[in-house]
């Protein structure tokens, strides 16, 4: 292969031959590294989107306190652990239905 050949003049095979060592040295993404990543939502709008409800309803749910373990708030900044919030909503819903019987 001519080293002075312009990149635009390379054939597909020549380009693959050049890139093959680079491609083969790349490490695949390990799924176990992404397992510990938390899914976070921000603000009442994020909570409303997570719960598929209005912002007013999301605010009322937040004020009830059933999601306190999932919510971190400093001043006006609200950060919510989405997975924990959904788990808490599910368990509080079951408790609500049991108490209603």
PDB file of N, CA and C in Angstrom:
ATOM      1  N   UNK A   1       0.847  -1.167   0.000  1.00  0.00           N
ATOM      2  CA  UNK A   1       0.000   0.000   0.000  1.00  0.00           C
ATOM      3  C   UNK A   1       0.897   1.237   0.000  1.00  0.00           C
ATOM      4  N   UNK A   2       0.492   2.199  -0.777  1.00  0.00           N
ATOM      5  CA  UNK A   2       1.238   3.451  -0.884  1.00  0.00           C
ATOM      6  C   UNK A   2       0.886   4.349   0.293  1.00  0.00           C
ATOM      7  N   UNK A   3       1.870   4.701   1.105  1.00  0.00           N
ATOM      8  CA  UNK A   3       1.640   5.522   2.298  1.00  0.00           C
ATOM      9  C   UNK A   3       1.291   6.961   1.955  1.00  0.00           C
ATOM     10  N   UNK A   4       1.606   7.396   0.761  1.00  0.00           N
ATOM     11  CA  UNK A   4       1.314   8.766   0.335  1.00  0.00           C
ATOM     12  C   UNK A   4      -0.027   8.888  -0.381  1.00  0.00           C
ATOM     13  N   UNK A   5      -0.790   7.815  -0.415  1.00  0.00           N
ATOM     14  CA  UNK A   5      -2.081   7.809  -1.089  1.00  0.00           C
ATOM     15  C   UNK A   5      -3.079   8.626  -0.256  1.00  0.00           C
ATOM     16  N   UNK A   6      -3.862   9.508  -0.865  1.00  0.00           N
ATOM     17  CA  UNK A   6      -4.860  10.284  -0.122  1.00  0.00           C
ATOM     18  C   UNK A   6      -5.938   9.360   0.459  1.00  0.00           C
ATOM     19  N   UNK A   7      -6.494   9.749   1.602  1.00  0.00           N
ATOM     20  CA  UNK A   7      -7.512   8.930   2.260  1.00  0.00           C
ATOM     21  C   UNK A   7      -8.719   8.742   1.350  1.00  0.00           C
ATOM     22  N   UNK A   8      -9.078   9.762   0.603  1.00  0.00           N
ATOM     23  CA  UNK A   8     -10.223   9.665  -0.304  1.00  0.00           C
ATOM     24  C   UNK A   8     -10.017   8.680  -1.437  1.00  0.00           C
ATOM     25  N   UNK A   9      -8.771   8.335  -1.727  1.00  0.00           N
ATOM     26  CA  UNK A   9      -8.480   7.412  -2.815  1.00  0.00           C
ATOM     27  C   UNK A   9      -8.386   5.962  -2.336  1.00  0.00           C
ATOM     28  N   UNK A  10      -8.510   5.722  -1.033  1.00  0.00           N
ATOM     29  CA  UNK A  10      -8.433   4.357  -0.499  1.00  0.00           C
ATOM     30  C   UNK A  10      -9.688   3.576  -0.853  1.00  0.00           C
ATOM     31  N   UNK A  11      -9.506   2.298  -1.079  1.00  0.00           N
ATOM     32  CA  UNK A  11     -10.660   1.428  -1.247  1.00  0.00           C
ATOM     33  C   UNK A  11     -11.183   1.077   0.136  1.00  0.00           C
ATOM     34  N   UNK A  12     -12.372   0.541   0.189  1.00  0.00           N
ATOM     35  CA  UNK A  12     -12.958   0.147   1.468  1.00  0.00           C
ATOM     36  C   UNK A  12     -12.081  -0.898   2.150  1.00  0.00           C
ATOM     37  N   UNK A  13     -11.587  -1.856   1.399  1.00  0.00           N
ATOM     38  CA  UNK A  13     -10.749  -2.910   1.971  1.00  0.00           C
ATOM     39  C   UNK A  13      -9.459  -2.335   2.543  1.00  0.00           C
ATOM     40  N   UNK A  14      -8.841  -1.390   1.834  1.00  0.00           N
ATOM     41  CA  UNK A  14      -7.614  -0.773   2.336  1.00  0.00           C
ATOM     42  C   UNK A  14      -7.885  -0.021   3.641  1.00  0.00           C
ATOM     43  N   UNK A  15      -9.012   0.676   3.704  1.00  0.00           N
ATOM     44  CA  UNK A  15      -9.375   1.405   4.920  1.00  0.00           C
ATOM     45  C   UNK A  15      -9.621   0.441   6.077  1.00  0.00           C
ATOM     46  N   UNK A  16     -10.314  -0.667   5.812  1.00  0.00           N
ATOM     47  CA  UNK A  16     -10.543  -1.668   6.848  1.00  0.00           C
ATOM     48  C   UNK A  16      -9.236  -2.291   7.322  1.00  0.00           C
ATOM     49  N   UNK A  17      -8.308  -2.537   6.413  1.00  0.00           N
ATOM     50  CA  UNK A  17      -7.006  -3.088   6.795  1.00  0.00           C
ATOM     51  C   UNK A  17      -6.262  -2.139   7.726  1.00  0.00           C
ATOM     52  N   UNK A  18      -6.379  -0.845   7.489  1.00  0.00           N
ATOM     53  CA  UNK A  18      -5.712   0.150   8.338  1.00  0.00           C
ATOM     54  C   UNK A  18      -6.384   0.233   9.704  1.00  0.00           C
ATOM     55  N   UNK A  19      -7.725   0.186   9.739  1.00  0.00           N
ATOM     56  CA  UNK A  19      -8.470   0.371  10.985  1.00  0.00           C
ATOM     57  C   UNK A  19      -8.617  -0.900  11.812  1.00  0.00           C
ATOM     58  N   UNK A  20      -8.384  -2.066  11.236  1.00  0.00           N
ATOM     59  CA  UNK A  20      -8.599  -3.334  11.940  1.00  0.00           C
ATOM     60  C   UNK A  20      -7.844  -3.430  13.269  1.00  0.00           C
ATOM     61  N   UNK A  21      -6.566  -3.059  13.358  1.00  0.00           N
ATOM     62  CA  UNK A  21      -5.883  -3.135  14.656  1.00  0.00           C
ATOM     63  C   UNK A  21      -6.516  -2.218  15.708  1.00  0.00           C
ATOM     64  N   UNK A  22      -7.000  -1.075  15.306  1.00  0.00           N
ATOM     65  CA  UNK A  22      -7.633  -0.142  16.241  1.00  0.00           C
ATOM     66  C   UNK A  22      -8.957  -0.704  16.728  1.00  0.00           C
ATOM     67  N   UNK A  23      -9.745  -1.253  15.802  1.00  0.00           N
ATOM     68  CA  UNK A  23     -11.054  -1.806  16.148  1.00  0.00           C
ATOM     69  C   UNK A  23     -10.910  -3.015  17.062  1.00  0.00           C
ATOM     70  N   UNK A  24      -9.949  -3.877  16.813  1.00  0.00           N
ATOM     71  CA  UNK A  24      -9.793  -5.096  17.605  1.00  0.00           C
ATOM     72  C   UNK A  24      -9.277  -4.808  19.018  1.00  0.00           C
ATOM     73  N   UNK A  25      -8.616  -3.681  19.251  1.00  0.00           N
ATOM     74  CA  UNK A  25      -8.098  -3.338  20.586  1.00  0.00           C
ATOM     75  C   UNK A  25      -9.113  -2.664  21.480  1.00  0.00           C
ATOM     76  N   UNK A  26     -10.273  -2.304  20.959  1.00  0.00           N
ATOM     77  CA  UNK A  26     -11.284  -1.643  21.771  1.00  0.00           C
ATOM     78  C   UNK A  26     -11.946  -2.650  22.685  1.00  0.00           C
ATOM     79  N   UNK A  27     -12.160  -2.234  23.940  1.00  0.00           N
ATOM     80  CA  UNK A  27     -12.831  -3.092  24.912  1.00  0.00           C
ATOM     81  C   UNK A  27     -14.336  -2.893  24.796  1.00  0.00           C
ATOM     82  N   UNK A  28     -15.099  -3.976  24.847  1.00  0.00           N
ATOM     83  CA  UNK A  28     -16.553  -3.816  24.815  1.00  0.00           C
ATOM     84  C   UNK A  28     -17.044  -3.188  26.119  1.00  0.00           C
ATOM     85  N   UNK A  29     -18.203  -2.574  26.060  1.00  0.00           N
ATOM     86  CA  UNK A  29     -18.786  -1.973  27.262  1.00  0.00           C
ATOM     87  C   UNK A  29     -19.229  -3.102  28.188  1.00  0.00           C
ATOM     88  N   UNK A  30     -18.839  -2.994  29.453  1.00  0.00           N
ATOM     89  CA  UNK A  30     -19.191  -4.019  30.434  1.00  0.00           C
ATOM     90  C   UNK A  30     -20.506  -3.653  31.109  1.00  0.00           C
ATOM     91  N   UNK A  31     -21.533  -4.515  31.016  1.00  0.00           N
ATOM     92  CA  UNK A  31     -22.826  -4.196  31.616  1.00  0.00           C
ATOM     93  C   UNK A  31     -22.768  -4.056  33.129  1.00  0.00           C
ATOM     94  N   UNK A  32     -21.828  -4.756  33.791  1.00  0.00           N
ATOM     95  CA  UNK A  32     -21.765  -4.679  35.250  1.00  0.00           C
ATOM     96  C   UNK A  32     -21.348  -3.298  35.727  1.00  0.00           C
ATOM     97  N   UNK A  33     -20.718  -2.510  34.883  1.00  0.00           N
ATOM     98  CA  UNK A  33     -20.329  -1.164  35.270  1.00  0.00           C
ATOM     99  C   UNK A  33     -21.528  -0.226  35.274  1.00  0.00           C
ATOM    100  N   UNK A  34     -22.537  -0.483  34.463  1.00  0.00           N
ATOM    101  CA  UNK A  34     -23.694   0.391  34.386  1.00  0.00           C
ATOM    102  C   UNK A  34     -24.787   0.021  35.380  1.00  0.00           C
ATOM    103  N   UNK A  35     -24.653  -1.110  36.071  1.00  0.00           N
ATOM    104  CA  UNK A  35     -25.675  -1.530  37.016  1.00  0.00           C
ATOM    105  C   UNK A  35     -25.766  -0.602  38.219  1.00  0.00           C
ATOM    106  N   UNK A  36     -24.663  -0.017  38.641  1.00  0.00           N
ATOM    107  CA  UNK A  36     -24.647   0.813  39.836  1.00  0.00           C
ATOM    108  C   UNK A  36     -25.022   2.265  39.565  1.00  0.00           C
ATOM    109  N   UNK A  37     -25.343   2.588  38.340  1.00  0.00           N
ATOM    110  CA  UNK A  37     -25.705   3.954  37.993  1.00  0.00           C
ATOM    111  C   UNK A  37     -27.163   4.186  38.387  1.00  0.00           C
ATOM    112  N   UNK A  38     -27.394   5.239  39.165  1.00  0.00           N
ATOM    113  CA  UNK A  38     -28.756   5.560  39.584  1.00  0.00           C
ATOM    114  C   UNK A  38     -29.461   6.346  38.498  1.00  0.00           C
ATOM    115  N   UNK A  39     -30.730   6.079  38.357  1.00  0.00           N
ATOM    116  CA  UNK A  39     -31.563   6.843  37.437  1.00  0.00           C
ATOM    117  C   UNK A  39     -32.172   7.980  38.251  1.00  0.00           C
ATOM    118  N   UNK A  40     -31.761   9.197  37.956  1.00  0.00           N
ATOM    119  CA  UNK A  40     -32.210  10.360  38.705  1.00  0.00           C
ATOM    120  C   UNK A  40     -33.117  11.223  37.847  1.00  0.00           C
ATOM    121  N   UNK A  41     -34.110  11.838  38.500  1.00  0.00           N
ATOM    122  CA  UNK A  41     -34.927  12.855  37.856  1.00  0.00           C
ATOM    123  C   UNK A  41     -34.836  14.110  38.712  1.00  0.00           C
ATOM    124  N   UNK A  42     -35.061  15.242  38.085  1.00  0.00           N
ATOM    125  CA  UNK A  42     -34.850  16.514  38.753  1.00  0.00           C
ATOM    126  C   UNK A  42     -36.127  17.346  38.760  1.00  0.00           C
ATOM    127  N   UNK A  43     -36.462  17.864  39.925  1.00  0.00           N
ATOM    128  CA  UNK A  43     -37.582  18.784  40.070  1.00  0.00           C
ATOM    129  C   UNK A  43     -38.938  18.110  40.026  1.00  0.00           C
ATOM    130  N   UNK A  44     -39.950  18.940  40.269  1.00  0.00           N
ATOM    131  CA  UNK A  44     -41.321  18.435  40.234  1.00  0.00           C
ATOM    132  C   UNK A  44     -41.724  18.007  38.825  1.00  0.00           C
ATOM    133  N   UNK A  45     -41.182  18.692  37.829  1.00  0.00           N
ATOM    134  CA  UNK A  45     -41.482  18.312  36.448  1.00  0.00           C
ATOM    135  C   UNK A  45     -40.956  16.907  36.153  1.00  0.00           C
ATOM    136  N   UNK A  46     -39.747  16.602  36.613  1.00  0.00           N
ATOM    137  CA  UNK A  46     -39.185  15.272  36.425  1.00  0.00           C
ATOM    138  C   UNK A  46     -39.992  14.209  37.145  1.00  0.00           C
ATOM    139  N   UNK A  47     -40.435  14.536  38.369  1.00  0.00           N
ATOM    140  CA  UNK A  47     -41.269  13.598  39.127  1.00  0.00           C
ATOM    141  C   UNK A  47     -42.596  13.381  38.424  1.00  0.00           C
ATOM    142  N   UNK A  48     -43.192  14.465  37.908  1.00  0.00           N
ATOM    143  CA  UNK A  48     -44.466  14.356  37.196  1.00  0.00           C
ATOM    144  C   UNK A  48     -44.329  13.478  35.952  1.00  0.00           C
ATOM    145  N   UNK A  49     -43.224  13.631  35.222  1.00  0.00           N
ATOM    146  CA  UNK A  49     -43.003  12.804  34.041  1.00  0.00           C
ATOM    147  C   UNK A  49     -42.785  11.344  34.429  1.00  0.00           C
ATOM    148  N   UNK A  50     -42.069  11.122  35.541  1.00  0.00           N
ATOM    149  CA  UNK A  50     -41.821   9.757  36.012  1.00  0.00           C
ATOM    150  C   UNK A  50     -43.121   9.059  36.388  1.00  0.00           C
ATOM    151  N   UNK A  51     -44.013   9.787  37.070  1.00  0.00           N
ATOM    152  CA  UNK A  51     -45.258   9.201  37.564  1.00  0.00           C
ATOM    153  C   UNK A  51     -46.411   9.359  36.575  1.00  0.00           C
ATOM    154  N   UNK A  52     -46.160  10.023  35.433  1.00  0.00           N
ATOM    155  CA  UNK A  52     -47.194  10.260  34.422  1.00  0.00           C
ATOM    156  C   UNK A  52     -48.406  10.957  35.036  1.00  0.00           C
ATOM    157  N   UNK A  53     -48.131  12.076  35.692  1.00  0.00           N
ATOM    158  CA  UNK A  53     -49.199  12.858  36.303  1.00  0.00           C
ATOM    159  C   UNK A  53     -48.886  14.333  36.111  1.00  0.00           C
ATOM    160  N   UNK A  54     -49.766  15.183  36.605  1.00  0.00           N
ATOM    161  CA  UNK A  54     -49.535  16.619  36.498  1.00  0.00           C
ATOM    162  C   UNK A  54     -48.516  17.065  37.543  1.00  0.00           C
ATOM    163  N   UNK A  55     -47.988  18.265  37.358  1.00  0.00           N
ATOM    164  CA  UNK A  55     -47.025  18.805  38.319  1.00  0.00           C
ATOM    165  C   UNK A  55     -47.706  19.030  39.660  1.00  0.00           C
ATOM    166  N   UNK A  56     -48.968  19.441  39.649  1.00  0.00           N
ATOM    167  CA  UNK A  56     -49.708  19.651  40.899  1.00  0.00           C
ATOM    168  C   UNK A  56     -49.856  18.332  41.671  1.00  0.00           C
ATOM    169  N   UNK A  57     -50.161  17.266  40.952  1.00  0.00           N
ATOM    170  CA  UNK A  57     -50.290  15.959  41.600  1.00  0.00           C
ATOM    171  C   UNK A  57     -48.939  15.482  42.114  1.00  0.00           C
ATOM    172  N   UNK A  58     -47.883  15.705  41.340  1.00  0.00           N
ATOM    173  CA  UNK A  58     -46.539  15.327  41.784  1.00  0.00           C
ATOM    174  C   UNK A  58     -46.164  16.085  43.049  1.00  0.00           C
ATOM    175  N   UNK A  59     -46.526  17.361  43.117  1.00  0.00           N
ATOM    176  CA  UNK A  59     -46.256  18.157  44.312  1.00  0.00           C
ATOM    177  C   UNK A  59     -47.035  17.617  45.507  1.00  0.00           C
ATOM    178  N   UNK A  60     -48.285  17.232  45.291  1.00  0.00           N
ATOM    179  CA  UNK A  60     -49.100  16.691  46.382  1.00  0.00           C
ATOM    180  C   UNK A  60     -48.514  15.362  46.888  1.00  0.00           C
ATOM    181  N   UNK A  61     -48.070  14.513  45.974  1.00  0.00           N
ATOM    182  CA  UNK A  61     -47.461  13.237  46.366  1.00  0.00           C
ATOM    183  C   UNK A  61     -46.185  13.491  47.154  1.00  0.00           C
ATOM    184  N   UNK A  62     -45.380  14.461  46.713  1.00  0.00           N
ATOM    185  CA  UNK A  62     -44.144  14.812  47.423  1.00  0.00           C
ATOM    186  C   UNK A  62     -44.460  15.319  48.819  1.00  0.00           C
ATOM    187  N   UNK A  63     -45.473  16.169  48.933  1.00  0.00           N
ATOM    188  CA  UNK A  63     -45.836  16.744  50.225  1.00  0.00           C
ATOM    189  C   UNK A  63     -46.400  15.695  51.194  1.00  0.00           C
ATOM    190  N   UNK A  64     -47.009  14.619  50.677  1.00  0.00           N
ATOM    191  CA  UNK A  64     -47.538  13.550  51.531  1.00  0.00           C
ATOM    192  C   UNK A  64     -46.428  12.850  52.298  1.00  0.00           C
ATOM    193  N   UNK A  65     -45.222  12.837  51.744  1.00  0.00           N
ATOM    194  CA  UNK A  65     -44.082  12.266  52.449  1.00  0.00           C
ATOM    195  C   UNK A  65     -43.787  10.812  52.144  1.00  0.00           C
ATOM    196  N   UNK A  66     -44.545  10.187  51.269  1.00  0.00           N
ATOM    197  CA  UNK A  66     -44.303   8.773  50.988  1.00  0.00           C
ATOM    198  C   UNK A  66     -43.022   8.566  50.176  1.00  0.00           C
ATOM    199  N   UNK A  67     -42.506   9.623  49.562  1.00  0.00           N
ATOM    200  CA  UNK A  67     -41.291   9.503  48.756  1.00  0.00           C
ATOM    201  C   UNK A  67     -40.076  10.140  49.423  1.00  0.00           C
ATOM    202  N   UNK A  68     -40.167  10.453  50.711  1.00  0.00           N
ATOM    203  CA  UNK A  68     -39.077  11.168  51.384  1.00  0.00           C
ATOM    204  C   UNK A  68     -37.735  10.455  51.292  1.00  0.00           C
ATOM    205  N   UNK A  69     -37.740   9.124  51.296  1.00  0.00           N
ATOM    206  CA  UNK A  69     -36.478   8.379  51.211  1.00  0.00           C
ATOM    207  C   UNK A  69     -35.820   8.511  49.838  1.00  0.00           C
ATOM    208  N   UNK A  70     -36.605   8.813  48.818  1.00  0.00           N
ATOM    209  CA  UNK A  70     -36.080   8.905  47.460  1.00  0.00           C
ATOM    210  C   UNK A  70     -35.727  10.332  47.055  1.00  0.00           C
ATOM    211  N   UNK A  71     -36.137  11.310  47.863  1.00  0.00           N
ATOM    212  CA  UNK A  71     -35.968  12.710  47.487  1.00  0.00           C
ATOM    213  C   UNK A  71     -34.877  13.367  48.304  1.00  0.00           C
ATOM    214  N   UNK A  72     -33.993  14.077  47.605  1.00  0.00           N
ATOM    215  CA  UNK A  72     -33.001  14.927  48.255  1.00  0.00           C
ATOM    216  C   UNK A  72     -33.302  16.351  47.813  1.00  0.00           C
ATOM    217  N   UNK A  73     -33.435  17.238  48.780  1.00  0.00           N
ATOM    218  CA  UNK A  73     -33.746  18.619  48.439  1.00  0.00           C
ATOM    219  C   UNK A  73     -32.881  19.559  49.248  1.00  0.00           C
ATOM    220  N   UNK A  74     -32.258  20.499  48.549  1.00  0.00           N
ATOM    221  CA  UNK A  74     -31.504  21.574  49.171  1.00  0.00           C
ATOM    222  C   UNK A  74     -32.029  22.859  48.564  1.00  0.00           C
ATOM    223  N   UNK A  75     -32.717  23.635  49.371  1.00  0.00           N
ATOM    224  CA  UNK A  75     -33.337  24.846  48.848  1.00  0.00           C
ATOM    225  C   UNK A  75     -34.396  24.483  47.832  1.00  0.00           C
ATOM    226  N   UNK A  76     -34.249  25.017  46.640  1.00  0.00           N
ATOM    227  CA  UNK A  76     -35.219  24.726  45.582  1.00  0.00           C
ATOM    228  C   UNK A  76     -34.803  23.570  44.698  1.00  0.00           C
ATOM    229  N   UNK A  77     -33.597  23.064  44.890  1.00  0.00           N
ATOM    230  CA  UNK A  77     -33.077  21.974  44.054  1.00  0.00           C
ATOM    231  C   UNK A  77     -33.617  20.641  44.570  1.00  0.00           C
ATOM    232  N   UNK A  78     -34.322  19.918  43.713  1.00  0.00           N
ATOM    233  CA  UNK A  78     -34.907  18.623  44.070  1.00  0.00           C
ATOM    234  C   UNK A  78     -34.310  17.556  43.173  1.00  0.00           C
ATOM    235  N   UNK A  79     -33.738  16.506  43.791  1.00  0.00           N
ATOM    236  CA  UNK A  79     -33.179  15.369  43.059  1.00  0.00           C
ATOM    237  C   UNK A  79     -33.876  14.116  43.575  1.00  0.00           C
ATOM    238  N   UNK A  80     -34.372  13.301  42.654  1.00  0.00           N
ATOM    239  CA  UNK A  80     -35.163  12.132  43.021  1.00  0.00           C
ATOM    240  C   UNK A  80     -34.549  10.880  42.421  1.00  0.00           C
ATOM    241  N   UNK A  81     -34.326   9.864  43.274  1.00  0.00           N
ATOM    242  CA  UNK A  81     -33.898   8.544  42.807  1.00  0.00           C
ATOM    243  C   UNK A  81     -35.134   7.870  42.216  1.00  0.00           C
ATOM    244  N   UNK A  82     -35.193   7.791  40.901  1.00  0.00           N
ATOM    245  CA  UNK A  82     -36.401   7.339  40.210  1.00  0.00           C
ATOM    246  C   UNK A  82     -36.770   5.895  40.559  1.00  0.00           C
ATOM    247  N   UNK A  83     -35.791   5.009  40.600  1.00  0.00           N
ATOM    248  CA  UNK A  83     -36.087   3.602  40.892  1.00  0.00           C
ATOM    249  C   UNK A  83     -36.652   3.439  42.296  1.00  0.00           C
ATOM    250  N   UNK A  84     -36.050   4.116  43.266  1.00  0.00           N
ATOM    251  CA  UNK A  84     -36.537   4.042  44.641  1.00  0.00           C
ATOM    252  C   UNK A  84     -37.908   4.687  44.768  1.00  0.00           C
ATOM    253  N   UNK A  85     -38.133   5.788  44.065  1.00  0.00           N
ATOM    254  CA  UNK A  85     -39.435   6.457  44.114  1.00  0.00           C
ATOM    255  C   UNK A  85     -40.537   5.541  43.600  1.00  0.00           C
ATOM    256  N   UNK A  86     -40.278   4.857  42.497  1.00  0.00           N
ATOM    257  CA  UNK A  86     -41.290   3.943  41.960  1.00  0.00           C
ATOM    258  C   UNK A  86     -41.543   2.782  42.907  1.00  0.00           C
ATOM    259  N   UNK A  87     -40.480   2.290  43.532  1.00  0.00           N
ATOM    260  CA  UNK A  87     -40.627   1.198  44.503  1.00  0.00           C
ATOM    261  C   UNK A  87     -41.457   1.660  45.706  1.00  0.00           C
ATOM    262  N   UNK A  88     -41.180   2.867  46.199  1.00  0.00           N
ATOM    263  CA  UNK A  88     -41.927   3.404  47.336  1.00  0.00           C
ATOM    264  C   UNK A  88     -43.382   3.671  46.968  1.00  0.00           C
ATOM    265  N   UNK A  89     -43.611   4.158  45.757  1.00  0.00           N
ATOM    266  CA  UNK A  89     -44.991   4.396  45.316  1.00  0.00           C
ATOM    267  C   UNK A  89     -45.770   3.090  45.256  1.00  0.00           C
ATOM    268  N   UNK A  90     -45.119   2.055  44.766  1.00  0.00           N
ATOM    269  CA  UNK A  90     -45.782   0.758  44.665  1.00  0.00           C
ATOM    270  C   UNK A  90     -46.134   0.229  46.052  1.00  0.00           C
ATOM    271  N   UNK A  91     -45.202   0.313  46.995  1.00  0.00           N
ATOM    272  CA  UNK A  91     -45.469  -0.203  48.345  1.00  0.00           C
ATOM    273  C   UNK A  91     -46.488   0.655  49.077  1.00  0.00           C
ATOM    274  N   UNK A  92     -46.465   1.977  48.878  1.00  0.00           N
ATOM    275  CA  UNK A  92     -47.446   2.828  49.551  1.00  0.00           C
ATOM    276  C   UNK A  92     -48.833   2.611  48.957  1.00  0.00           C
ATOM    277  N   UNK A  93     -48.904   2.318  47.685  1.00  0.00           N
ATOM    278  CA  UNK A  93     -50.182   2.037  47.028  1.00  0.00           C
ATOM    279  C   UNK A  93     -50.787   0.748  47.593  1.00  0.00           C
ATOM    280  N   UNK A  94     -49.942  -0.262  47.796  1.00  0.00           N
ATOM    281  CA  UNK A  94     -50.429  -1.524  48.374  1.00  0.00           C
ATOM    282  C   UNK A  94     -50.926  -1.294  49.799  1.00  0.00           C
ATOM    283  N   UNK A  95     -50.200  -0.500  50.584  1.00  0.00           N
ATOM    284  CA  UNK A  95     -50.608  -0.205  51.961  1.00  0.00           C
ATOM    285  C   UNK A  95     -51.926   0.563  51.971  1.00  0.00           C
ATOM    286  N   UNK A  96     -52.080   1.494  51.037  1.00  0.00           N
ATOM    287  CA  UNK A  96     -53.302   2.286  50.937  1.00  0.00           C
ATOM    288  C   UNK A  96     -54.508   1.379  50.623  1.00  0.00           C
ATOM    289  N   UNK A  97     -54.307   0.439  49.686  1.00  0.00           N
ATOM    290  CA  UNK A  97     -55.404  -0.465  49.330  1.00  0.00           C
ATOM    291  C   UNK A  97     -55.748  -1.414  50.464  1.00  0.00           C
ATOM    292  N   UNK A  98     -54.745  -1.868  51.212  1.00  0.00           N
ATOM    293  CA  UNK A  98     -55.002  -2.745  52.360  1.00  0.00           C
ATOM    294  C   UNK A  98     -55.766  -2.007  53.448  1.00  0.00           C
ATOM    295  N   UNK A  99     -55.432  -0.762  53.700  1.00  0.00           N
ATOM    296  CA  UNK A  99     -56.098   0.020  54.749  1.00  0.00           C
ATOM    297  C   UNK A  99     -57.531   0.360  54.361  1.00  0.00           C
ATOM    298  N   UNK A 100     -57.792   0.421  53.083  1.00  0.00           N
ATOM    299  CA  UNK A 100     -59.124   0.790  52.615  1.00  0.00           C
ATOM    300  C   UNK A 100     -60.127  -0.351  52.759  1.00  0.00           C
ATOM    301  N   UNK A 101     -59.660  -1.581  52.889  1.00  0.00           N
ATOM    302  CA  UNK A 101     -60.552  -2.760  52.994  1.00  0.00           C
ATOM    303  C   UNK A 101     -61.301  -2.783  54.280  1.00  0.00           C
TER     304      UNK A 101
END
